[in-house]
Amino acid sequence: MPQLNFTLTDGSAVSVSCAVGETVMNAATLNGVPGVEAVCGGFCSCATCHVYVDDAWIEKLPPPSGDENEMLDGTAADRLPGSRLSCQLKVTAELDGLSVRMPPTQA
């Protein structure tokens, strides 16, 4: 099972394992990782699952879709080059060790 690494707003880290095909958002919410609100339940319509993907991983992810790009323009925290919606990031075996950081706010 791939492992995902979350850096929380206080600087602490949480690592969770998840199944291939799971979204980063589901992995976070199912494991109680604070900072991913996921108000819309993963339908790319609220931007409350915004995360900052570590620079080393950005090129390993598919580019954001048009809908994701549109939602990222309305996030509560600043949009940075590594900004993604965790509901749109499906975990693959190649993403084992993926590191993301929580933004300072989701709302």
PDB file of N, CA and C in Angstrom:
ATOM      1  N   MET A   1       0.839  -1.188   0.000  1.00  0.00           N
ATOM      2  CA  MET A   1       0.000   0.000   0.000  1.00  0.00           C
ATOM      3  C   MET A   1       0.880   1.246   0.000  1.00  0.00           C
ATOM      4  N   PRO A   2       0.575   2.187  -0.866  1.00  0.00           N
ATOM      5  CA  PRO A   2       1.332   3.436  -0.879  1.00  0.00           C
ATOM      6  C   PRO A   2       1.147   4.215   0.420  1.00  0.00           C
ATOM      7  N   GLN A   3       2.174   4.949   0.771  1.00  0.00           N
ATOM      8  CA  GLN A   3       2.132   5.800   1.950  1.00  0.00           C
ATOM      9  C   GLN A   3       2.095   7.254   1.493  1.00  0.00           C
ATOM     10  N   LEU A   4       1.261   8.051   2.160  1.00  0.00           N
ATOM     11  CA  LEU A   4       1.149   9.480   1.890  1.00  0.00           C
ATOM     12  C   LEU A   4       1.606  10.240   3.121  1.00  0.00           C
ATOM     13  N   ASN A   5       2.296  11.341   2.900  1.00  0.00           N
ATOM     14  CA  ASN A   5       2.835  12.138   3.997  1.00  0.00           C
ATOM     15  C   ASN A   5       2.214  13.531   3.972  1.00  0.00           C
ATOM     16  N   PHE A   6       1.583  13.899   5.077  1.00  0.00           N
ATOM     17  CA  PHE A   6       0.917  15.183   5.212  1.00  0.00           C
ATOM     18  C   PHE A   6       1.658  16.035   6.235  1.00  0.00           C
ATOM     19  N   THR A   7       1.985  17.261   5.862  1.00  0.00           N
ATOM     20  CA  THR A   7       2.539  18.216   6.812  1.00  0.00           C
ATOM     21  C   THR A   7       1.402  19.139   7.212  1.00  0.00           C
ATOM     22  N   LEU A   8       1.115  19.174   8.503  1.00  0.00           N
ATOM     23  CA  LEU A   8      -0.004  19.952   9.022  1.00  0.00           C
ATOM     24  C   LEU A   8       0.390  21.414   9.202  1.00  0.00           C
ATOM     25  N   THR A   9      -0.588  22.250   9.458  1.00  0.00           N
ATOM     26  CA  THR A   9      -0.328  23.686   9.578  1.00  0.00           C
ATOM     27  C   THR A   9       0.592  24.029  10.744  1.00  0.00           C
ATOM     28  N   ASP A  10       0.651  23.177  11.763  1.00  0.00           N
ATOM     29  CA  ASP A  10       1.541  23.434  12.893  1.00  0.00           C
ATOM     30  C   ASP A  10       2.946  22.892  12.666  1.00  0.00           C
ATOM     31  N   GLY A  11       3.191  22.322  11.490  1.00  0.00           N
ATOM     32  CA  GLY A  11       4.508  21.786  11.156  1.00  0.00           C
ATOM     33  C   GLY A  11       4.688  20.313  11.470  1.00  0.00           C
ATOM     34  N   SER A  12       3.740  19.730  12.187  1.00  0.00           N
ATOM     35  CA  SER A  12       3.847  18.300  12.490  1.00  0.00           C
ATOM     36  C   SER A  12       3.500  17.486  11.243  1.00  0.00           C
ATOM     37  N   ALA A  13       3.873  16.220  11.262  1.00  0.00           N
ATOM     38  CA  ALA A  13       3.660  15.363  10.100  1.00  0.00           C
ATOM     39  C   ALA A  13       2.808  14.156  10.466  1.00  0.00           C
ATOM     40  N   VAL A  14       1.999  13.727   9.503  1.00  0.00           N
ATOM     41  CA  VAL A  14       1.166  12.541   9.647  1.00  0.00           C
ATOM     42  C   VAL A  14       1.362  11.717   8.381  1.00  0.00           C
ATOM     43  N   SER A  15       1.618  10.428   8.558  1.00  0.00           N
ATOM     44  CA  SER A  15       1.738   9.518   7.417  1.00  0.00           C
ATOM     45  C   SER A  15       0.625   8.490   7.490  1.00  0.00           C
ATOM     46  N   VAL A  16       0.025   8.205   6.338  1.00  0.00           N
ATOM     47  CA  VAL A  16      -1.045   7.217   6.273  1.00  0.00           C
ATOM     48  C   VAL A  16      -0.810   6.308   5.076  1.00  0.00           C
ATOM     49  N   SER A  17      -1.301   5.085   5.172  1.00  0.00           N
ATOM     50  CA  SER A  17      -1.278   4.160   4.049  1.00  0.00           C
ATOM     51  C   SER A  17      -2.653   4.152   3.416  1.00  0.00           C
ATOM     52  N   CYS A  18      -2.683   3.934   2.108  1.00  0.00           N
ATOM     53  CA  CYS A  18      -3.968   3.873   1.426  1.00  0.00           C
ATOM     54  C   CYS A  18      -3.875   2.946   0.227  1.00  0.00           C
ATOM     55  N   ALA A  19      -5.017   2.552  -0.259  1.00  0.00           N
ATOM     56  CA  ALA A  19      -5.076   1.650  -1.402  1.00  0.00           C
ATOM     57  C   ALA A  19      -4.832   2.412  -2.697  1.00  0.00           C
ATOM     58  N   VAL A  20      -4.252   1.725  -3.658  1.00  0.00           N
ATOM     59  CA  VAL A  20      -4.117   2.278  -4.999  1.00  0.00           C
ATOM     60  C   VAL A  20      -5.524   2.547  -5.530  1.00  0.00           C
ATOM     61  N   GLY A  21      -5.715   3.691  -6.159  1.00  0.00           N
ATOM     62  CA  GLY A  21      -7.024   4.077  -6.678  1.00  0.00           C
ATOM     63  C   GLY A  21      -7.797   4.989  -5.754  1.00  0.00           C
ATOM     64  N   GLU A  22      -7.405   5.045  -4.487  1.00  0.00           N
ATOM     65  CA  GLU A  22      -8.022   5.943  -3.511  1.00  0.00           C
ATOM     66  C   GLU A  22      -7.582   7.361  -3.830  1.00  0.00           C
ATOM     67  N   THR A  23      -8.370   8.347  -3.459  1.00  0.00           N
ATOM     68  CA  THR A  23      -7.914   9.724  -3.632  1.00  0.00           C
ATOM     69  C   THR A  23      -7.156  10.160  -2.386  1.00  0.00           C
ATOM     70  N   VAL A  24      -6.308  11.138  -2.559  1.00  0.00           N
ATOM     71  CA  VAL A  24      -5.580  11.705  -1.428  1.00  0.00           C
ATOM     72  C   VAL A  24      -6.570  12.255  -0.409  1.00  0.00           C
ATOM     73  N   MET A  25      -7.660  12.855  -0.879  1.00  0.00           N
ATOM     74  CA  MET A  25      -8.690  13.380   0.018  1.00  0.00           C
ATOM     75  C   MET A  25      -9.296  12.269   0.875  1.00  0.00           C
ATOM     76  N   ASN A  26      -9.683  11.164   0.240  1.00  0.00           N
ATOM     77  CA  ASN A  26     -10.268  10.055   1.003  1.00  0.00           C
ATOM     78  C   ASN A  26      -9.279   9.484   1.998  1.00  0.00           C
ATOM     79  N   ALA A  27      -8.035   9.342   1.597  1.00  0.00           N
ATOM     80  CA  ALA A  27      -7.017   8.832   2.517  1.00  0.00           C
ATOM     81  C   ALA A  27      -6.910   9.738   3.738  1.00  0.00           C
ATOM     82  N   ALA A  28      -6.949  11.048   3.507  1.00  0.00           N
ATOM     83  CA  ALA A  28      -6.853  11.994   4.623  1.00  0.00           C
ATOM     84  C   ALA A  28      -8.079  11.922   5.523  1.00  0.00           C
ATOM     85  N   THR A  29      -9.258  11.979   4.930  1.00  0.00           N
ATOM     86  CA  THR A  29     -10.471  12.016   5.750  1.00  0.00           C
ATOM     87  C   THR A  29     -10.703  10.690   6.479  1.00  0.00           C
ATOM     88  N   LEU A  30     -10.449   9.570   5.829  1.00  0.00           N
ATOM     89  CA  LEU A  30     -10.642   8.265   6.473  1.00  0.00           C
ATOM     90  C   LEU A  30      -9.676   8.036   7.625  1.00  0.00           C
ATOM     91  N   ASN A  31      -8.532   8.725   7.577  1.00  0.00           N
ATOM     92  CA  ASN A  31      -7.520   8.558   8.623  1.00  0.00           C
ATOM     93  C   ASN A  31      -7.463   9.730   9.592  1.00  0.00           C
ATOM     94  N   GLY A  32      -8.451  10.627   9.516  1.00  0.00           N
ATOM     95  CA  GLY A  32      -8.545  11.725  10.473  1.00  0.00           C
ATOM     96  C   GLY A  32      -7.451  12.763  10.369  1.00  0.00           C
ATOM     97  N   VAL A  33      -6.885  12.939   9.180  1.00  0.00           N
ATOM     98  CA  VAL A  33      -5.851  13.962   9.002  1.00  0.00           C
ATOM     99  C   VAL A  33      -6.528  15.332   9.038  1.00  0.00           C
ATOM    100  N   PRO A  34      -6.151  16.182   9.992  1.00  0.00           N
ATOM    101  CA  PRO A  34      -6.786  17.495  10.079  1.00  0.00           C
ATOM    102  C   PRO A  34      -6.356  18.410   8.934  1.00  0.00           C
ATOM    103  N   GLY A  35      -7.283  19.262   8.500  1.00  0.00           N
ATOM    104  CA  GLY A  35      -6.964  20.243   7.484  1.00  0.00           C
ATOM    105  C   GLY A  35      -7.604  19.992   6.140  1.00  0.00           C
ATOM    106  N   VAL A  36      -8.147  18.797   5.932  1.00  0.00           N
ATOM    107  CA  VAL A  36      -8.866  18.499   4.697  1.00  0.00           C
ATOM    108  C   VAL A  36     -10.345  18.424   5.065  1.00  0.00           C
ATOM    109  N   GLU A  37     -11.087  19.469   4.725  1.00  0.00           N
ATOM    110  CA  GLU A  37     -12.499  19.516   5.102  1.00  0.00           C
ATOM    111  C   GLU A  37     -13.387  18.723   4.156  1.00  0.00           C
ATOM    112  N   ALA A  38     -13.123  18.792   2.851  1.00  0.00           N
ATOM    113  CA  ALA A  38     -13.854  18.001   1.855  1.00  0.00           C
ATOM    114  C   ALA A  38     -15.366  18.160   1.970  1.00  0.00           C
ATOM    115  N   VAL A  39     -15.826  19.379   2.028  1.00  0.00           N
ATOM    116  CA  VAL A  39     -17.246  19.677   2.210  1.00  0.00           C
ATOM    117  C   VAL A  39     -18.107  19.035   1.128  1.00  0.00           C
ATOM    118  N   CYS A  40     -17.656  19.037  -0.122  1.00  0.00           N
ATOM    119  CA  CYS A  40     -18.480  18.503  -1.223  1.00  0.00           C
ATOM    120  C   CYS A  40     -18.344  16.994  -1.379  1.00  0.00           C
ATOM    121  N   GLY A  41     -17.501  16.371  -0.585  1.00  0.00           N
ATOM    122  CA  GLY A  41     -17.356  14.917  -0.649  1.00  0.00           C
ATOM    123  C   GLY A  41     -16.534  14.409  -1.814  1.00  0.00           C
ATOM    124  N   GLY A  42     -15.776  15.270  -2.457  1.00  0.00           N
ATOM    125  CA  GLY A  42     -14.889  14.828  -3.519  1.00  0.00           C
ATOM    126  C   GLY A  42     -15.392  15.059  -4.928  1.00  0.00           C
ATOM    127  N   PHE A  43     -16.334  15.983  -5.097  1.00  0.00           N
ATOM    128  CA  PHE A  43     -16.910  16.243  -6.416  1.00  0.00           C
ATOM    129  C   PHE A  43     -16.326  17.468  -7.117  1.00  0.00           C
ATOM    130  N   CYS A  44     -15.187  17.948  -6.634  1.00  0.00           N
ATOM    131  CA  CYS A  44     -14.478  19.069  -7.271  1.00  0.00           C
ATOM    132  C   CYS A  44     -15.377  20.301  -7.366  1.00  0.00           C
ATOM    133  N   SER A  45     -16.099  20.577  -6.268  1.00  0.00           N
ATOM    134  CA  SER A  45     -17.001  21.723  -6.320  1.00  0.00           C
ATOM    135  C   SER A  45     -16.932  22.630  -5.092  1.00  0.00           C
ATOM    136  N   CYS A  46     -15.910  22.448  -4.238  1.00  0.00           N
ATOM    137  CA  CYS A  46     -15.856  23.308  -3.056  1.00  0.00           C
ATOM    138  C   CYS A  46     -14.458  23.842  -2.734  1.00  0.00           C
ATOM    139  N   ALA A  47     -13.418  23.191  -3.175  1.00  0.00           N
ATOM    140  CA  ALA A  47     -12.018  23.596  -2.931  1.00  0.00           C
ATOM    141  C   ALA A  47     -11.606  23.537  -1.466  1.00  0.00           C
ATOM    142  N   THR A  48     -12.329  22.777  -0.634  1.00  0.00           N
ATOM    143  CA  THR A  48     -11.949  22.666   0.784  1.00  0.00           C
ATOM    144  C   THR A  48     -11.071  21.443   1.053  1.00  0.00           C
ATOM    145  N   CYS A  49     -10.504  20.885  -0.012  1.00  0.00           N
ATOM    146  CA  CYS A  49      -9.537  19.796   0.129  1.00  0.00           C
ATOM    147  C   CYS A  49      -8.210  20.212  -0.508  1.00  0.00           C
ATOM    148  N   HIS A  50      -8.018  21.519  -0.600  1.00  0.00           N
ATOM    149  CA  HIS A  50      -6.815  22.115  -1.188  1.00  0.00           C
ATOM    150  C   HIS A  50      -5.574  21.663  -0.412  1.00  0.00           C
ATOM    151  N   VAL A  51      -4.544  21.260  -1.139  1.00  0.00           N
ATOM    152  CA  VAL A  51      -3.249  20.925  -0.547  1.00  0.00           C
ATOM    153  C   VAL A  51      -2.147  21.512  -1.421  1.00  0.00           C
ATOM    154  N   TYR A  52      -0.955  21.622  -0.843  1.00  0.00           N
ATOM    155  CA  TYR A  52       0.231  22.027  -1.586  1.00  0.00           C
ATOM    156  C   TYR A  52       1.099  20.787  -1.775  1.00  0.00           C
ATOM    157  N   VAL A  53       1.252  20.357  -3.018  1.00  0.00           N
ATOM    158  CA  VAL A  53       2.081  19.196  -3.329  1.00  0.00           C
ATOM    159  C   VAL A  53       3.544  19.615  -3.271  1.00  0.00           C
ATOM    160  N   ASP A  54       4.355  18.794  -2.610  1.00  0.00           N
ATOM    161  CA  ASP A  54       5.782  19.050  -2.524  1.00  0.00           C
ATOM    162  C   ASP A  54       6.377  19.134  -3.926  1.00  0.00           C
ATOM    163  N   ASP A  55       7.296  20.074  -4.121  1.00  0.00           N
ATOM    164  CA  ASP A  55       7.901  20.310  -5.432  1.00  0.00           C
ATOM    165  C   ASP A  55       8.409  19.043  -6.112  1.00  0.00           C
ATOM    166  N   ALA A  56       8.979  18.129  -5.347  1.00  0.00           N
ATOM    167  CA  ALA A  56       9.545  16.906  -5.921  1.00  0.00           C
ATOM    168  C   ALA A  56       8.491  16.012  -6.566  1.00  0.00           C
ATOM    169  N   TRP A  57       7.225  16.232  -6.247  1.00  0.00           N
ATOM    170  CA  TRP A  57       6.146  15.367  -6.730  1.00  0.00           C
ATOM    171  C   TRP A  57       5.282  16.004  -7.819  1.00  0.00           C
ATOM    172  N   ILE A  58       5.391  17.291  -8.031  1.00  0.00           N
ATOM    173  CA  ILE A  58       4.498  17.992  -8.962  1.00  0.00           C
ATOM    174  C   ILE A  58       4.520  17.360 -10.352  1.00  0.00           C
ATOM    175  N   GLU A  59       5.695  17.076 -10.872  1.00  0.00           N
ATOM    176  CA  GLU A  59       5.814  16.540 -12.234  1.00  0.00           C
ATOM    177  C   GLU A  59       5.344  15.092 -12.343  1.00  0.00           C
ATOM    178  N   LYS A  60       5.170  14.414 -11.211  1.00  0.00           N
ATOM    179  CA  LYS A  60       4.725  13.015 -11.224  1.00  0.00           C
ATOM    180  C   LYS A  60       3.204  12.892 -11.258  1.00  0.00           C
ATOM    181  N   LEU A  61       2.526  14.022 -11.152  1.00  0.00           N
ATOM    182  CA  LEU A  61       1.062  14.037 -11.148  1.00  0.00           C
ATOM    183  C   LEU A  61       0.534  14.474 -12.511  1.00  0.00           C
ATOM    184  N   PRO A  62      -0.637  13.986 -12.887  1.00  0.00           N
ATOM    185  CA  PRO A  62      -1.245  14.520 -14.111  1.00  0.00           C
ATOM    186  C   PRO A  62      -1.605  15.980 -13.886  1.00  0.00           C
ATOM    187  N   PRO A  63      -1.648  16.769 -14.948  1.00  0.00           N
ATOM    188  CA  PRO A  63      -2.015  18.187 -14.769  1.00  0.00           C
ATOM    189  C   PRO A  63      -3.461  18.318 -14.308  1.00  0.00           C
ATOM    190  N   PRO A  64      -3.777  19.416 -13.629  1.00  0.00           N
ATOM    191  CA  PRO A  64      -5.157  19.618 -13.198  1.00  0.00           C
ATOM    192  C   PRO A  64      -6.091  19.776 -14.396  1.00  0.00           C
ATOM    193  N   SER A  65      -7.295  19.273 -14.237  1.00  0.00           N
ATOM    194  CA  SER A  65      -8.320  19.436 -15.277  1.00  0.00           C
ATOM    195  C   SER A  65      -8.785  20.893 -15.286  1.00  0.00           C
ATOM    196  N   GLY A  66      -9.572  21.244 -16.278  1.00  0.00           N
ATOM    197  CA  GLY A  66     -10.130  22.591 -16.345  1.00  0.00           C
ATOM    198  C   GLY A  66     -10.978  22.916 -15.129  1.00  0.00           C
ATOM    199  N   ASP A  67     -11.800  21.947 -14.699  1.00  0.00           N
ATOM    200  CA  ASP A  67     -12.652  22.167 -13.519  1.00  0.00           C
ATOM    201  C   ASP A  67     -11.803  22.374 -12.267  1.00  0.00           C
ATOM    202  N   GLU A  68     -10.749  21.561 -12.114  1.00  0.00           N
ATOM    203  CA  GLU A  68      -9.884  21.714 -10.946  1.00  0.00           C
ATOM    204  C   GLU A  68      -9.187  23.072 -10.983  1.00  0.00           C
ATOM    205  N   ASN A  69      -8.675  23.460 -12.137  1.00  0.00           N
ATOM    206  CA  ASN A  69      -8.027  24.768 -12.269  1.00  0.00           C
ATOM    207  C   ASN A  69      -8.965  25.890 -11.864  1.00  0.00           C
ATOM    208  N   GLU A  70     -10.211  25.804 -12.306  1.00  0.00           N
ATOM    209  CA  GLU A  70     -11.201  26.820 -11.970  1.00  0.00           C
ATOM    210  C   GLU A  70     -11.426  26.878 -10.460  1.00  0.00           C
ATOM    211  N   MET A  71     -11.558  25.716  -9.826  1.00  0.00           N
ATOM    212  CA  MET A  71     -11.777  25.683  -8.376  1.00  0.00           C
ATOM    213  C   MET A  71     -10.541  26.192  -7.622  1.00  0.00           C
ATOM    214  N   LEU A  72      -9.358  25.890  -8.119  1.00  0.00           N
ATOM    215  CA  LEU A  72      -8.130  26.350  -7.458  1.00  0.00           C
ATOM    216  C   LEU A  72      -8.015  27.867  -7.467  1.00  0.00           C
ATOM    217  N   ASP A  73      -8.632  28.511  -8.438  1.00  0.00           N
ATOM    218  CA  ASP A  73      -8.618  29.973  -8.476  1.00  0.00           C
ATOM    219  C   ASP A  73      -9.440  30.577  -7.345  1.00  0.00           C
ATOM    220  N   GLY A  74     -10.279  29.780  -6.694  1.00  0.00           N
ATOM    221  CA  GLY A  74     -11.126  30.291  -5.625  1.00  0.00           C
ATOM    222  C   GLY A  74     -10.800  29.725  -4.252  1.00  0.00           C
ATOM    223  N   THR A  75      -9.618  29.189  -4.060  1.00  0.00           N
ATOM    224  CA  THR A  75      -9.278  28.623  -2.743  1.00  0.00           C
ATOM    225  C   THR A  75      -9.138  29.731  -1.701  1.00  0.00           C
ATOM    226  N   ALA A  76      -9.400  29.378  -0.447  1.00  0.00           N
ATOM    227  CA  ALA A  76      -9.312  30.348   0.641  1.00  0.00           C
ATOM    228  C   ALA A  76      -7.867  30.761   0.907  1.00  0.00           C
ATOM    229  N   ALA A  77      -6.928  29.837   0.746  1.00  0.00           N
ATOM    230  CA  ALA A  77      -5.505  30.130   0.925  1.00  0.00           C
ATOM    231  C   ALA A  77      -4.899  30.440  -0.439  1.00  0.00           C
ATOM    232  N   ASP A  78      -3.751  31.066  -0.441  1.00  0.00           N
ATOM    233  CA  ASP A  78      -3.081  31.408  -1.690  1.00  0.00           C
ATOM    234  C   ASP A  78      -2.887  30.191  -2.581  1.00  0.00           C
ATOM    235  N   ARG A  79      -3.093  30.398  -3.882  1.00  0.00           N
ATOM    236  CA  ARG A  79      -2.785  29.365  -4.861  1.00  0.00           C
ATOM    237  C   ARG A  79      -1.294  29.460  -5.167  1.00  0.00           C
ATOM    238  N   LEU A  80      -0.600  28.344  -4.996  1.00  0.00           N
ATOM    239  CA  LEU A  80       0.837  28.261  -5.257  1.00  0.00           C
ATOM    240  C   LEU A  80       1.071  27.282  -6.405  1.00  0.00           C
ATOM    241  N   PRO A  81       2.290  27.217  -6.935  1.00  0.00           N
ATOM    242  CA  PRO A  81       2.549  26.284  -8.043  1.00  0.00           C
ATOM    243  C   PRO A  81       2.179  24.828  -7.725  1.00  0.00           C
ATOM    244  N   GLY A  82       2.288  24.416  -6.478  1.00  0.00           N
ATOM    245  CA  GLY A  82       1.953  23.043  -6.103  1.00  0.00           C
ATOM    246  C   GLY A  82       0.521  22.851  -5.634  1.00  0.00           C
ATOM    247  N   SER A  83      -0.322  23.859  -5.781  1.00  0.00           N
ATOM    248  CA  SER A  83      -1.713  23.754  -5.326  1.00  0.00           C
ATOM    249  C   SER A  83      -2.474  22.715  -6.139  1.00  0.00           C
ATOM    250  N   ARG A  84      -3.154  21.847  -5.421  1.00  0.00           N
ATOM    251  CA  ARG A  84      -4.030  20.848  -6.047  1.00  0.00           C
ATOM    252  C   ARG A  84      -5.204  20.593  -5.129  1.00  0.00           C
ATOM    253  N   LEU A  85      -6.278  20.062  -5.701  1.00  0.00           N
ATOM    254  CA  LEU A  85      -7.404  19.595  -4.898  1.00  0.00           C
ATOM    255  C   LEU A  85      -7.163  18.119  -4.651  1.00  0.00           C
ATOM    256  N   SER A  86      -7.106  17.749  -3.397  1.00  0.00           N
ATOM    257  CA  SER A  86      -6.767  16.355  -3.070  1.00  0.00           C
ATOM    258  C   SER A  86      -7.830  15.373  -3.537  1.00  0.00           C
ATOM    259  N   CYS A  87      -9.045  15.842  -3.789  1.00  0.00           N
ATOM    260  CA  CYS A  87     -10.094  14.959  -4.307  1.00  0.00           C
ATOM    261  C   CYS A  87      -9.824  14.541  -5.744  1.00  0.00           C
ATOM    262  N   GLN A  88      -8.941  15.260  -6.418  1.00  0.00           N
ATOM    263  CA  GLN A  88      -8.646  14.969  -7.819  1.00  0.00           C
ATOM    264  C   GLN A  88      -7.349  14.199  -7.996  1.00  0.00           C
ATOM    265  N   LEU A  89      -6.700  13.845  -6.896  1.00  0.00           N
ATOM    266  CA  LEU A  89      -5.419  13.129  -6.955  1.00  0.00           C
ATOM    267  C   LEU A  89      -5.626  11.669  -6.602  1.00  0.00           C
ATOM    268  N   LYS A  90      -5.654  10.814  -7.622  1.00  0.00           N
ATOM    269  CA  LYS A  90      -5.787   9.369  -7.393  1.00  0.00           C
ATOM    270  C   LYS A  90      -4.417   8.783  -7.101  1.00  0.00           C
ATOM    271  N   VAL A  91      -4.344   7.986  -6.068  1.00  0.00           N
ATOM    272  CA  VAL A  91      -3.092   7.381  -5.651  1.00  0.00           C
ATOM    273  C   VAL A  91      -2.752   6.205  -6.565  1.00  0.00           C
ATOM    274  N   THR A  92      -1.515   6.194  -7.020  1.00  0.00           N
ATOM    275  CA  THR A  92      -0.968   5.086  -7.800  1.00  0.00           C
ATOM    276  C   THR A  92       0.226   4.533  -7.041  1.00  0.00           C
ATOM    277  N   ALA A  93       0.711   3.385  -7.446  1.00  0.00           N
ATOM    278  CA  ALA A  93       1.895   2.800  -6.807  1.00  0.00           C
ATOM    279  C   ALA A  93       3.088   3.747  -6.928  1.00  0.00           C
ATOM    280  N   GLU A  94       3.149   4.499  -8.034  1.00  0.00           N
ATOM    281  CA  GLU A  94       4.258   5.427  -8.261  1.00  0.00           C
ATOM    282  C   GLU A  94       4.222   6.618  -7.306  1.00  0.00           C
ATOM    283  N   LEU A  95       3.093   6.841  -6.670  1.00  0.00           N
ATOM    284  CA  LEU A  95       2.971   7.965  -5.743  1.00  0.00           C
ATOM    285  C   LEU A  95       3.274   7.570  -4.299  1.00  0.00           C
ATOM    286  N   ASP A  96       3.813   6.381  -4.097  1.00  0.00           N
ATOM    287  CA  ASP A  96       4.208   5.958  -2.756  1.00  0.00           C
ATOM    288  C   ASP A  96       5.217   6.966  -2.202  1.00  0.00           C
ATOM    289  N   GLY A  97       4.887   7.573  -1.072  1.00  0.00           N
ATOM    290  CA  GLY A  97       5.748   8.573  -0.458  1.00  0.00           C
ATOM    291  C   GLY A  97       5.351  10.005  -0.772  1.00  0.00           C
ATOM    292  N   LEU A  98       4.260  10.194  -1.533  1.00  0.00           N
ATOM    293  CA  LEU A  98       3.796  11.536  -1.882  1.00  0.00           C
ATOM    294  C   LEU A  98       3.721  12.417  -0.644  1.00  0.00           C
ATOM    295  N   SER A  99       4.251  13.633  -0.781  1.00  0.00           N
ATOM    296  CA  SER A  99       4.231  14.591   0.329  1.00  0.00           C
ATOM    297  C   SER A  99       3.410  15.810  -0.050  1.00  0.00           C
ATOM    298  N   VAL A 100       2.476  16.158   0.831  1.00  0.00           N
ATOM    299  CA  VAL A 100       1.659  17.349   0.650  1.00  0.00           C
ATOM    300  C   VAL A 100       1.620  18.134   1.948  1.00  0.00           C
ATOM    301  N   ARG A 101       1.397  19.436   1.810  1.00  0.00           N
ATOM    302  CA  ARG A 101       1.318  20.335   2.944  1.00  0.00           C
ATOM    303  C   ARG A 101      -0.072  20.947   2.990  1.00  0.00           C
ATOM    304  N   MET A 102      -0.602  21.103   4.175  1.00  0.00           N
ATOM    305  CA  MET A 102      -1.917  21.725   4.347  1.00  0.00           C
ATOM    306  C   MET A 102      -1.788  23.236   4.239  1.00  0.00           C
ATOM    307  N   PRO A 103      -2.744  23.875   3.571  1.00  0.00           N
ATOM    308  CA  PRO A 103      -2.744  25.342   3.540  1.00  0.00           C
ATOM    309  C   PRO A 103      -3.176  25.884   4.910  1.00  0.00           C
ATOM    310  N   PRO A 104      -2.944  27.165   5.169  1.00  0.00           N
ATOM    311  CA  PRO A 104      -3.304  27.697   6.476  1.00  0.00           C
ATOM    312  C   PRO A 104      -4.798  27.721   6.762  1.00  0.00           C
ATOM    313  N   THR A 105      -5.614  27.710   5.713  1.00  0.00           N
ATOM    314  CA  THR A 105      -7.068  27.715   5.893  1.00  0.00           C
ATOM    315  C   THR A 105      -7.727  27.060   4.704  1.00  0.00           C
ATOM    316  N   GLN A 106      -8.944  26.532   4.919  1.00  0.00           N
ATOM    317  CA  GLN A 106      -9.740  25.964   3.831  1.00  0.00           C
ATOM    318  C   GLN A 106     -11.007  26.780   3.607  1.00  0.00           C
ATOM    319  N   ALA A 107     -11.337  27.637   4.554  1.00  0.00           N
ATOM    320  CA  ALA A 107     -12.589  28.402   4.433  1.00  0.00           C
ATOM    321  C   ALA A 107     -12.364  29.869   4.718  1.00  0.00           C
TER     322      ALA A 107
END
